[in-house]
Amino acid sequence: MKASDQYLKIVEWSEEDQCYIGSCPGLMKGGVHGDDEAQIYKELCEAVEEWIVIHQEDGEPLPAATAGKEYSGKFVVRVGKELHKALAIEALREGESLNAYCVHLLKEESPRYGTK
């Protein structure tokens, strides 16, 4: 396995830019862009390899791997007392637990799960 295989590479269409954008979150800021999805993926893979070489040449440790990562399904978010209270009240109004209400809101706002 190559070092670059440890990093998630994403190519997605950008309505705003009207082109494909390739990125590698956690390893490099920025990315590559263009009209050909396959070409963008190829260029992204090359850019990731270059970033890894730069890290190695500079003697910097590579960031934590992002590909193949396991997720537990829970995370802690600190929201402050006022927002916590407001969310708890809204959850009661909706007849849901605070957890279920927040999951519902997150799914609604997520580009993958919701309408945004």
Protein backbone atom coordinates (compact mmCIF):
# COMPACT_ATOMS: atom_id res chain seq x y z
CA MET A 1 0.00 0.00 0.00
CA LYS A 2 1.26 3.46 -0.92
CA ALA A 3 1.24 6.24 1.67
CA SER A 4 -1.28 8.11 -0.50
CA ASP A 5 -3.75 5.22 -0.14
CA GLN A 6 -4.25 6.31 3.47
CA TYR A 7 -5.98 9.52 2.42
CA LEU A 8 -9.53 10.09 1.24
CA LYS A 9 -9.63 11.72 -2.19
CA ILE A 10 -12.85 13.47 -3.20
CA VAL A 11 -13.88 14.63 -6.66
CA GLU A 12 -17.23 16.38 -6.84
CA TRP A 13 -19.11 18.73 -9.10
CA SER A 14 -19.28 22.36 -7.98
CA GLU A 15 -22.38 24.23 -9.15
CA GLU A 16 -20.77 27.48 -8.04
CA ASP A 17 -17.60 26.94 -10.09
CA GLN A 18 -19.24 24.89 -12.87
CA CYS A 19 -16.44 22.33 -12.81
CA TYR A 20 -15.18 19.29 -10.91
CA ILE A 21 -13.20 19.98 -7.74
CA GLY A 22 -10.73 17.45 -6.35
CA SER A 23 -9.64 17.66 -2.72
CA CYS A 24 -7.89 15.61 -0.07
CA PRO A 25 -9.17 16.83 3.31
CA GLY A 26 -6.77 16.41 6.17
CA LEU A 27 -3.66 16.32 3.99
CA MET A 28 -3.69 19.37 1.74
CA LYS A 29 -5.57 22.62 1.52
CA GLY A 30 -6.91 23.58 -1.85
CA GLY A 31 -7.14 21.10 -4.65
CA VAL A 32 -7.45 20.70 -8.38
CA HIS A 33 -10.28 21.58 -10.72
CA GLY A 34 -11.41 21.11 -14.30
CA ASP A 35 -14.06 19.77 -16.67
CA ASP A 36 -13.04 16.10 -16.88
CA GLU A 37 -13.86 14.10 -13.74
CA ALA A 38 -11.41 11.28 -14.49
CA GLN A 39 -8.61 13.72 -15.29
CA ILE A 40 -9.26 15.63 -12.07
CA TYR A 41 -9.01 12.40 -10.07
CA LYS A 42 -5.70 11.59 -11.78
CA GLU A 43 -4.35 15.08 -11.07
CA LEU A 44 -5.57 14.85 -7.47
CA CYS A 45 -3.73 11.56 -6.96
CA GLU A 46 -0.56 13.15 -8.33
CA ALA A 47 -0.98 16.20 -6.07
CA VAL A 48 -1.43 13.95 -3.02
CA GLU A 49 1.77 12.07 -3.90
CA GLU A 50 3.59 15.41 -4.20
CA TRP A 51 2.29 16.60 -0.81
CA ILE A 52 3.51 13.39 0.81
CA VAL A 53 6.98 13.84 -0.72
CA ILE A 54 7.08 17.44 0.54
CA HIS A 55 6.17 16.31 4.07
CA GLN A 56 8.87 13.65 3.95
CA GLU A 57 11.53 16.01 2.55
CA ASP A 58 10.70 18.59 5.24
CA GLY A 59 10.90 15.89 7.91
CA GLU A 60 7.31 16.56 8.94
CA PRO A 61 5.09 13.70 10.09
CA LEU A 62 2.16 12.91 7.83
CA PRO A 63 -1.29 13.83 9.14
CA ALA A 64 -3.53 11.06 10.45
CA ALA A 65 -5.02 8.81 7.77
CA THR A 66 -8.50 9.71 6.54
CA ALA A 67 -9.33 6.72 4.30
CA GLY A 68 -10.94 3.62 5.76
CA LYS A 69 -11.63 5.39 9.05
CA GLU A 70 -14.17 3.79 11.37
CA TYR A 71 -16.83 6.00 12.98
CA SER A 72 -18.60 5.20 16.26
CA GLY A 73 -21.79 7.06 15.41
CA LYS A 74 -21.48 9.52 18.26
CA PHE A 75 -19.62 12.75 18.92
CA VAL A 76 -19.77 15.50 21.53
CA VAL A 77 -20.68 19.03 20.53
CA ARG A 78 -20.48 21.93 22.97
CA VAL A 79 -23.25 24.38 22.06
CA GLY A 80 -23.54 26.70 25.06
CA LYS A 81 -26.31 26.87 27.64
CA GLU A 82 -28.76 29.02 25.66
CA LEU A 83 -28.65 26.89 22.49
CA HIS A 84 -28.87 23.71 24.59
CA LYS A 85 -32.00 25.08 26.27
CA ALA A 86 -33.55 26.18 22.96
CA LEU A 87 -32.89 22.79 21.35
CA ALA A 88 -34.27 20.91 24.35
CA ILE A 89 -37.46 22.99 24.26
CA GLU A 90 -37.89 22.47 20.51
CA ALA A 91 -37.34 18.72 20.95
CA LEU A 92 -40.08 18.66 23.60
CA ARG A 93 -42.42 20.56 21.27
CA GLU A 94 -41.73 18.01 18.53
CA GLY A 95 -42.22 15.09 20.92
CA GLU A 96 -38.67 13.83 20.35
CA SER A 97 -35.67 13.25 22.54
CA LEU A 98 -32.99 15.92 22.30
CA ASN A 99 -30.71 13.41 20.55
CA ALA A 100 -33.34 12.41 17.97
CA TYR A 101 -34.24 16.05 17.35
CA CYS A 102 -30.60 17.04 16.76
CA VAL A 103 -30.02 14.07 14.44
CA HIS A 104 -33.11 15.14 12.49
CA LEU A 105 -31.75 18.71 12.18
CA LEU A 106 -28.31 17.52 11.12
CA LYS A 107 -29.73 15.21 8.46
CA GLU A 108 -31.94 18.02 7.18
CA GLU A 109 -28.93 20.33 6.76
CA SER A 110 -26.56 17.74 5.35
CA PRO A 111 -26.05 17.93 1.56
CA ARG A 112 -26.02 14.13 1.40
CA TYR A 113 -29.12 13.47 3.50
CA GLY A 114 -31.18 16.62 3.39
CA THR A 115 -32.47 19.20 1.01
CA LYS A 116 -29.51 21.58 1.14
